[in-house]
Amino acid sequence: MPLPKLADIGRVIAEGDPATMMTAERLQRIFSVGMGAFSHPQRHEPIPYLL
């Protein structure tokens, strides 16, 4: 199964599991707003949020 990809303006900027890709820095770069991410307490999936 191919790894998920994260894109910014049509370019792949990260590839891997969601927890590795969805960092605050990458989300801020893509959306141009302050963002953070925390791990879901049970599923351990990244949950993004606006700052």
C-alpha atoms as a PDB file:
ATOM      1  CA  MET A   1       0.000   0.000   0.000  1.00  0.00           C
ATOM      2  CA  PRO A   2       1.472   3.409  -0.923  1.00  0.00           C
ATOM      3  CA  LEU A   3       2.257   5.837   1.883  1.00  0.00           C
ATOM      4  CA  PRO A   4      -0.022   8.872   2.254  1.00  0.00           C
ATOM      5  CA  LYS A   5       1.326  12.119   0.821  1.00  0.00           C
ATOM      6  CA  LEU A   6       0.934  15.743   1.900  1.00  0.00           C
ATOM      7  CA  ALA A   7       0.842  18.339  -0.897  1.00  0.00           C
ATOM      8  CA  ASP A   8       1.335  22.106  -1.058  1.00  0.00           C
ATOM      9  CA  ILE A   9       0.324  23.863  -4.292  1.00  0.00           C
ATOM     10  CA  GLY A  10       0.448  20.600  -6.207  1.00  0.00           C
ATOM     11  CA  ARG A  11       3.913  19.565  -4.949  1.00  0.00           C
ATOM     12  CA  VAL A  12       4.459  16.650  -2.582  1.00  0.00           C
ATOM     13  CA  ILE A  13       6.184  18.052   0.519  1.00  0.00           C
ATOM     14  CA  ALA A  14       5.984  15.016   2.790  1.00  0.00           C
ATOM     15  CA  GLU A  15       5.367  11.313   2.551  1.00  0.00           C
ATOM     16  CA  GLY A  16       4.762   8.880   5.398  1.00  0.00           C
ATOM     17  CA  ASP A  17       2.341   8.201   8.179  1.00  0.00           C
ATOM     18  CA  PRO A  18       0.012  11.066   9.237  1.00  0.00           C
ATOM     19  CA  ALA A  19       1.695  11.581  12.620  1.00  0.00           C
ATOM     20  CA  THR A  20       5.026  12.203  10.913  1.00  0.00           C
ATOM     21  CA  MET A  21       3.630  14.477   8.200  1.00  0.00           C
ATOM     22  CA  MET A  22       1.176  16.624  10.152  1.00  0.00           C
ATOM     23  CA  THR A  23       3.581  18.808  12.109  1.00  0.00           C
ATOM     24  CA  ALA A  24       2.737  22.371  13.142  1.00  0.00           C
ATOM     25  CA  GLU A  25       5.444  23.723  10.810  1.00  0.00           C
ATOM     26  CA  ARG A  26       4.131  21.885   7.756  1.00  0.00           C
ATOM     27  CA  LEU A  27       0.511  22.809   8.456  1.00  0.00           C
ATOM     28  CA  GLN A  28       1.464  26.478   8.894  1.00  0.00           C
ATOM     29  CA  ARG A  29       3.374  26.394   5.598  1.00  0.00           C
ATOM     30  CA  ILE A  30       0.416  24.901   3.716  1.00  0.00           C
ATOM     31  CA  PHE A  31      -2.394  27.008   5.212  1.00  0.00           C
ATOM     32  CA  SER A  32      -0.430  30.230   5.960  1.00  0.00           C
ATOM     33  CA  VAL A  33      -1.966  30.504   9.447  1.00  0.00           C
ATOM     34  CA  GLY A  34      -0.729  29.508  12.877  1.00  0.00           C
ATOM     35  CA  MET A  35      -1.529  25.862  13.465  1.00  0.00           C
ATOM     36  CA  GLY A  36      -0.665  23.120  15.877  1.00  0.00           C
ATOM     37  CA  ALA A  37      -1.360  19.423  16.180  1.00  0.00           C
ATOM     38  CA  PHE A  38      -1.856  17.035  19.084  1.00  0.00           C
ATOM     39  CA  SER A  39      -2.276  13.289  19.257  1.00  0.00           C
ATOM     40  CA  HIS A  40      -5.761  11.838  19.747  1.00  0.00           C
ATOM     41  CA  PRO A  41      -5.711  10.226  23.219  1.00  0.00           C
ATOM     42  CA  GLN A  42      -7.120   6.870  22.080  1.00  0.00           C
ATOM     43  CA  ARG A  43      -6.399   6.518  18.357  1.00  0.00           C
ATOM     44  CA  HIS A  44      -3.053   8.365  18.435  1.00  0.00           C
ATOM     45  CA  GLU A  45      -3.921  10.156  15.172  1.00  0.00           C
ATOM     46  CA  PRO A  46      -2.852  13.784  14.715  1.00  0.00           C
ATOM     47  CA  ILE A  47      -5.562  16.375  15.339  1.00  0.00           C
ATOM     48  CA  PRO A  48      -4.735  19.763  13.757  1.00  0.00           C
ATOM     49  CA  TYR A  49      -6.006  23.028  15.266  1.00  0.00           C
ATOM     50  CA  LEU A  50      -5.763  26.761  14.607  1.00  0.00           C
ATOM     51  CA  LEU A  51      -3.748  28.918  16.984  1.00  0.00           C
END
